[in-house]
N, C-alpha and C. Protein backbone atom coordinates (compact mmCIF):
# COMPACT_ATOMS: atom_id res chain seq x y z
N THR A 1 86.46 110.70 98.99
CA THR A 1 85.18 110.17 98.55
C THR A 1 84.21 111.32 98.32
N GLU A 2 83.39 111.18 97.31
CA GLU A 2 82.37 112.18 97.03
C GLU A 2 81.03 111.70 97.53
N CYS A 3 80.23 112.61 98.09
CA CYS A 3 78.91 112.21 98.56
C CYS A 3 77.81 112.64 97.58
N ARG A 4 78.13 113.53 96.65
CA ARG A 4 77.24 113.95 95.58
C ARG A 4 76.01 114.74 96.04
N LYS A 5 76.04 115.29 97.23
CA LYS A 5 74.93 116.12 97.69
C LYS A 5 75.03 117.49 97.05
N CYS A 6 73.88 118.11 96.78
CA CYS A 6 73.83 119.44 96.18
C CYS A 6 73.17 120.41 97.15
N PHE A 7 73.59 121.67 97.09
CA PHE A 7 73.05 122.68 97.98
C PHE A 7 72.77 123.96 97.20
N LYS A 8 71.73 124.67 97.60
CA LYS A 8 71.36 125.91 96.91
C LYS A 8 72.25 127.08 97.28
N GLY A 9 72.79 127.07 98.48
CA GLY A 9 73.62 128.19 98.90
C GLY A 9 75.02 127.77 99.28
N ARG A 10 75.97 128.68 99.10
CA ARG A 10 77.36 128.40 99.43
C ARG A 10 77.52 128.09 100.91
N SER A 11 76.81 128.82 101.77
CA SER A 11 76.96 128.61 103.21
C SER A 11 76.49 127.21 103.61
N ARG A 12 75.45 126.73 102.96
CA ARG A 12 74.98 125.37 103.27
C ARG A 12 75.98 124.32 102.80
N LEU A 13 76.59 124.56 101.66
CA LEU A 13 77.62 123.64 101.18
C LEU A 13 78.81 123.62 102.14
N LEU A 14 79.26 124.79 102.55
CA LEU A 14 80.40 124.86 103.46
C LEU A 14 80.07 124.20 104.79
N ASN A 15 78.86 124.38 105.27
CA ASN A 15 78.43 123.74 106.51
C ASN A 15 78.45 122.22 106.35
N HIS A 16 77.97 121.74 105.21
CA HIS A 16 77.97 120.30 104.95
C HIS A 16 79.39 119.74 104.85
N LEU A 17 80.27 120.48 104.23
CA LEU A 17 81.65 120.01 104.07
C LEU A 17 82.30 119.72 105.42
N GLN A 18 81.89 120.43 106.45
CA GLN A 18 82.43 120.20 107.79
C GLN A 18 82.16 118.77 108.25
N THR A 19 81.07 118.18 107.79
CA THR A 19 80.75 116.81 108.21
C THR A 19 81.77 115.81 107.67
N HIS A 20 82.42 116.17 106.56
CA HIS A 20 83.43 115.28 105.98
C HIS A 20 84.82 115.55 106.55
N MET A 21 85.03 116.75 107.08
CA MET A 21 86.37 117.14 107.51
C MET A 21 86.58 117.05 109.02
N THR A 22 85.53 116.91 109.79
CA THR A 22 85.69 116.86 111.24
C THR A 22 85.52 115.44 111.76
N GLN A 23 86.09 115.21 112.91
CA GLN A 23 85.98 113.90 113.53
C GLN A 23 84.55 113.68 114.02
N LYS A 24 84.04 112.50 113.79
CA LYS A 24 82.67 112.18 114.19
C LYS A 24 82.71 111.51 115.56
N MET A 25 82.48 112.33 116.59
CA MET A 25 82.64 111.87 117.96
C MET A 25 81.34 111.42 118.61
N PHE A 26 80.21 111.72 117.99
CA PHE A 26 78.92 111.39 118.59
C PHE A 26 78.34 110.18 117.87
N VAL A 27 78.21 109.07 118.59
CA VAL A 27 77.81 107.80 117.99
C VAL A 27 76.46 107.36 118.52
N CYS A 28 75.59 106.94 117.61
CA CYS A 28 74.28 106.42 117.98
C CYS A 28 74.45 105.03 118.60
N VAL A 29 73.93 104.85 119.80
CA VAL A 29 74.07 103.56 120.47
C VAL A 29 73.16 102.50 119.85
N GLU A 30 72.15 102.93 119.10
CA GLU A 30 71.22 101.99 118.48
C GLU A 30 71.78 101.36 117.20
N CYS A 31 72.40 102.18 116.35
CA CYS A 31 72.83 101.66 115.04
C CYS A 31 74.30 101.88 114.72
N GLY A 32 75.01 102.66 115.53
CA GLY A 32 76.43 102.88 115.31
C GLY A 32 76.78 104.01 114.36
N LYS A 33 75.79 104.68 113.78
CA LYS A 33 76.08 105.80 112.89
C LYS A 33 76.69 106.93 113.71
N SER A 34 77.71 107.60 113.13
CA SER A 34 78.40 108.64 113.89
C SER A 34 78.20 110.01 113.27
N PHE A 35 78.33 111.03 114.12
CA PHE A 35 78.06 112.41 113.73
C PHE A 35 79.12 113.34 114.29
N SER A 36 79.36 114.43 113.60
CA SER A 36 80.32 115.42 114.07
C SER A 36 79.68 116.41 115.03
N ARG A 37 78.36 116.47 115.06
CA ARG A 37 77.65 117.39 115.95
C ARG A 37 76.66 116.63 116.82
N LYS A 38 76.59 117.01 118.08
CA LYS A 38 75.66 116.38 119.01
C LYS A 38 74.21 116.61 118.56
N ALA A 39 73.93 117.81 118.06
CA ALA A 39 72.57 118.12 117.61
C ALA A 39 72.14 117.19 116.47
N SER A 40 73.05 116.85 115.59
CA SER A 40 72.73 115.94 114.49
C SER A 40 72.42 114.55 115.01
N LEU A 41 73.16 114.11 116.01
CA LEU A 41 72.88 112.81 116.63
C LEU A 41 71.50 112.82 117.27
N MET A 42 71.16 113.90 117.94
CA MET A 42 69.86 113.97 118.62
C MET A 42 68.71 113.91 117.62
N VAL A 43 68.86 114.59 116.49
CA VAL A 43 67.83 114.53 115.45
C VAL A 43 67.75 113.11 114.89
N HIS A 44 68.89 112.50 114.64
CA HIS A 44 68.94 111.13 114.12
C HIS A 44 68.25 110.14 115.05
N GLN A 45 68.44 110.31 116.35
CA GLN A 45 67.87 109.37 117.32
C GLN A 45 66.35 109.31 117.26
N ARG A 46 65.73 110.32 116.70
CA ARG A 46 64.27 110.31 116.54
C ARG A 46 63.81 109.17 115.64
N ILE A 47 64.69 108.71 114.76
CA ILE A 47 64.37 107.55 113.91
C ILE A 47 64.09 106.34 114.79
N HIS A 48 64.89 106.19 115.83
CA HIS A 48 64.76 105.03 116.70
C HIS A 48 63.68 105.20 117.76
N THR A 49 63.49 106.43 118.25
CA THR A 49 62.52 106.66 119.33
C THR A 49 61.11 106.90 118.81
N GLY A 50 61.02 107.31 117.53
CA GLY A 50 59.71 107.64 116.97
C GLY A 50 59.21 109.02 117.37
N GLU A 51 60.06 109.80 118.04
CA GLU A 51 59.67 111.15 118.45
C GLU A 51 59.38 112.02 117.24
N ARG A 52 58.26 112.74 117.28
CA ARG A 52 57.86 113.63 116.19
C ARG A 52 57.37 114.93 116.82
N PRO A 53 58.29 115.81 117.22
CA PRO A 53 57.93 116.98 118.00
C PRO A 53 57.31 118.15 117.23
N TYR A 54 57.30 118.09 115.92
CA TYR A 54 56.79 119.21 115.12
C TYR A 54 55.42 118.86 114.56
N LYS A 55 54.39 119.64 114.97
CA LYS A 55 53.02 119.33 114.57
C LYS A 55 52.44 120.44 113.70
N CYS A 56 51.78 120.04 112.62
CA CYS A 56 51.11 120.97 111.72
C CYS A 56 49.88 121.54 112.43
N LYS A 57 49.75 122.87 112.40
CA LYS A 57 48.61 123.53 113.04
C LYS A 57 47.32 123.34 112.24
N GLU A 58 47.45 123.02 110.96
CA GLU A 58 46.28 122.86 110.10
C GLU A 58 45.65 121.47 110.21
N CYS A 59 46.49 120.43 110.18
CA CYS A 59 45.94 119.07 110.12
C CYS A 59 46.46 118.14 111.22
N GLU A 60 47.31 118.67 112.11
CA GLU A 60 47.82 117.90 113.25
C GLU A 60 48.83 116.80 112.88
N LYS A 61 49.22 116.70 111.61
CA LYS A 61 50.23 115.72 111.23
C LYS A 61 51.55 116.10 111.91
N THR A 62 52.32 115.09 112.33
CA THR A 62 53.56 115.36 113.05
C THR A 62 54.79 114.95 112.25
N PHE A 63 55.91 115.58 112.59
CA PHE A 63 57.16 115.37 111.86
C PHE A 63 58.33 115.32 112.83
N SER A 64 59.36 114.59 112.44
CA SER A 64 60.56 114.50 113.28
C SER A 64 61.52 115.65 113.01
N ARG A 65 61.37 116.31 111.88
CA ARG A 65 62.25 117.43 111.53
C ARG A 65 61.42 118.68 111.20
N ARG A 66 61.91 119.82 111.66
CA ARG A 66 61.23 121.09 111.40
C ARG A 66 61.15 121.37 109.90
N SER A 67 62.20 121.01 109.15
CA SER A 67 62.21 121.27 107.71
C SER A 67 61.10 120.50 107.00
N ASN A 68 60.79 119.30 107.48
CA ASN A 68 59.70 118.53 106.88
C ASN A 68 58.36 119.17 107.18
N LEU A 69 58.19 119.72 108.38
CA LEU A 69 56.96 120.44 108.72
C LEU A 69 56.82 121.67 107.83
N THR A 70 57.91 122.39 107.65
CA THR A 70 57.88 123.60 106.82
C THR A 70 57.46 123.27 105.40
N ALA A 71 58.04 122.22 104.83
CA ALA A 71 57.68 121.80 103.47
C ALA A 71 56.22 121.36 103.41
N HIS A 72 55.78 120.62 104.41
CA HIS A 72 54.39 120.15 104.47
C HIS A 72 53.42 121.32 104.56
N SER A 73 53.76 122.32 105.37
CA SER A 73 52.87 123.47 105.59
C SER A 73 52.56 124.20 104.29
N LYS A 74 53.46 124.15 103.35
CA LYS A 74 53.25 124.81 102.06
C LYS A 74 52.19 124.12 101.21
N THR A 75 51.79 122.91 101.61
CA THR A 75 50.77 122.19 100.83
C THR A 75 49.36 122.61 101.21
N HIS A 76 49.20 123.35 102.29
CA HIS A 76 47.87 123.80 102.72
C HIS A 76 47.48 125.08 102.04
């Protein structure tokens, strides 16, 4: 199956490919979605808990993912 995701760098593509080739042993107890990495499950669980640990220093807006904070910070 193809997932059709695109990546800017080869290393990011190779990292993503691991999600398709490895066994997904970490399962979310809330929704049943499974992950190959524990860290990915922990980030996913923020959807259910509402945790938003990354805060913008300029406007105090919060985010569940560091990458979203980084993208937001560029708007200031």
